[in-house]
Amino acid sequence: MERELICICCPRGCHLKVDENLNVTGNFCPRGAAYGKQEVSNPTRVVTSSVRISHAELAMCPVKTKDPIPKGKIFDVMQSIINTHIEAPVHIGDVVIADVCGTGVDVVATRNMEKI
């Protein structure tokens, strides 16, 4: 079985082919080979969303996972984010959820939200 991917590591967008032994072809640079191997063996994604916030000018605060999480955990992470409610003030980079769903990755704020 061979998978075809488009590398997203740089604007070049190499068309990769990854076989069952994780041999990557079509990459222009070593980053493409690493991306192809990871995407087939253990795909990860950064999750972006919003959490409810009290005592701020807006009702929702944008957040994201600090690092990529396993693709299979996205729905669990989203459920945790949906169930989270924070209080202002919050600043960019503040941890909103530590070690979300046991992934070892924190969910952090991506906007300053001052208390009103």
Protein backbone atom coordinates (compact mmCIF):
# COMPACT_ATOMS: atom_id res chain seq x y z
CA MET A 1 0.00 0.00 0.00
CA GLU A 2 1.37 3.40 -0.99
CA ARG A 3 0.03 6.76 0.23
CA GLU A 4 0.29 9.99 -1.66
CA LEU A 5 0.63 13.23 0.29
CA ILE A 6 1.43 16.86 -0.38
CA CYS A 7 4.12 18.16 1.92
CA ILE A 8 3.18 21.25 3.95
CA CYS A 9 6.62 21.99 5.41
CA CYS A 10 7.37 24.76 2.92
CA PRO A 11 5.67 26.58 0.03
CA ARG A 12 7.11 24.15 -2.53
CA GLY A 13 4.37 21.55 -1.81
CA CYS A 14 6.23 18.42 -2.90
CA HIS A 15 4.08 15.46 -3.97
CA LEU A 16 5.22 12.66 -1.68
CA LYS A 17 4.73 8.92 -1.94
CA VAL A 18 5.16 6.86 1.21
CA ASP A 19 5.26 3.06 1.06
CA GLU A 20 4.44 0.53 3.79
CA ASN A 21 8.10 0.54 4.93
CA LEU A 22 7.95 4.34 5.42
CA ASN A 23 10.23 5.00 2.45
CA VAL A 24 9.46 8.49 1.16
CA THR A 25 9.95 9.61 -2.44
CA GLY A 26 9.17 12.89 -4.17
CA ASN A 27 10.56 15.09 -1.40
CA PHE A 28 12.91 17.93 -2.29
CA CYS A 29 14.35 18.31 1.21
CA PRO A 30 14.84 16.20 4.38
CA ARG A 31 11.88 17.95 6.06
CA GLY A 32 9.57 16.41 3.45
CA ALA A 33 10.85 12.92 4.25
CA ALA A 34 10.30 13.47 7.98
CA TYR A 35 6.82 14.89 7.34
CA GLY A 36 5.84 11.92 5.15
CA LYS A 37 7.00 9.36 7.70
CA GLN A 38 5.23 11.12 10.57
CA GLU A 39 2.00 11.69 8.64
CA VAL A 40 1.70 7.99 7.81
CA SER A 41 2.90 6.52 11.12
CA ASN A 42 1.52 9.01 13.67
CA PRO A 43 -0.36 12.01 12.23
CA THR A 44 -0.66 15.04 14.50
CA ARG A 45 -2.49 18.36 14.29
CA VAL A 46 -2.64 21.68 16.12
CA VAL A 47 -6.20 22.31 17.32
CA THR A 48 -7.59 25.84 17.36
CA SER A 49 -10.87 26.76 19.00
CA SER A 50 -12.45 29.09 21.57
CA VAL A 51 -13.40 28.74 25.23
CA ARG A 52 -16.08 30.59 27.17
CA ILE A 53 -14.77 33.45 29.30
CA SER A 54 -16.44 35.51 32.04
CA HIS A 55 -15.90 39.18 32.90
CA ALA A 56 -14.32 40.04 29.54
CA GLU A 57 -15.44 42.28 26.68
CA LEU A 58 -16.09 39.21 24.49
CA ALA A 59 -17.83 35.97 25.45
CA MET A 60 -15.23 33.67 23.88
CA CYS A 61 -11.43 33.55 24.08
CA PRO A 62 -9.46 32.01 21.19
CA VAL A 63 -7.16 29.11 22.15
CA LYS A 64 -4.92 26.53 20.51
CA THR A 65 -2.87 23.51 21.48
CA LYS A 66 0.70 24.62 22.16
CA ASP A 67 2.05 21.69 20.13
CA PRO A 68 0.47 19.20 17.74
CA ILE A 69 -1.59 16.40 19.30
CA PRO A 70 -2.31 12.92 17.92
CA LYS A 71 -5.03 13.14 15.28
CA GLY A 72 -7.05 10.44 17.08
CA LYS A 73 -7.38 12.66 20.17
CA ILE A 74 -8.91 15.68 18.38
CA PHE A 75 -12.52 14.95 19.37
CA ASP A 76 -11.55 14.33 23.02
CA VAL A 77 -9.56 17.57 23.10
CA MET A 78 -12.44 19.49 21.54
CA GLN A 79 -14.84 18.11 24.15
CA SER A 80 -12.48 19.25 26.89
CA ILE A 81 -12.29 22.72 25.31
CA ILE A 82 -16.09 22.91 25.02
CA ASN A 83 -16.43 22.04 28.72
CA THR A 84 -13.92 24.72 29.81
CA HIS A 85 -14.95 28.11 31.19
CA ILE A 86 -12.32 30.63 32.25
CA GLU A 87 -12.25 34.01 34.02
CA ALA A 88 -10.64 37.18 32.71
CA PRO A 89 -7.94 38.42 32.65
CA VAL A 90 -6.14 36.06 30.27
CA HIS A 91 -3.03 36.83 28.24
CA ILE A 92 -1.48 35.31 25.13
CA GLY A 93 0.34 32.11 26.08
CA ASP A 94 -1.48 31.59 29.39
CA VAL A 95 -2.28 27.91 29.95
CA VAL A 96 -6.04 27.41 29.77
CA ILE A 97 -5.98 23.59 30.02
CA ALA A 98 -2.82 21.83 31.22
CA ASP A 99 -1.95 18.42 29.73
CA VAL A 100 -5.21 18.23 27.78
CA CYS A 101 -6.59 14.67 27.69
CA GLY A 102 -3.27 13.23 28.86
CA THR A 103 -1.48 14.26 25.66
CA GLY A 104 1.26 16.18 27.48
CA VAL A 105 0.24 19.28 25.49
CA ASP A 106 -1.27 22.44 26.98
CA VAL A 107 -4.10 24.49 25.51
CA VAL A 108 -3.06 28.17 25.57
CA ALA A 109 -4.80 31.49 25.02
CA THR A 110 -4.08 33.25 21.73
CA ARG A 111 -5.55 36.65 22.61
CA ASN A 112 -5.29 39.06 25.52
CA MET A 113 -8.64 39.34 27.29
CA GLU A 114 -8.71 41.96 30.04
CA LYS A 115 -11.19 41.99 32.91
CA ILE A 116 -14.02 44.50 32.62
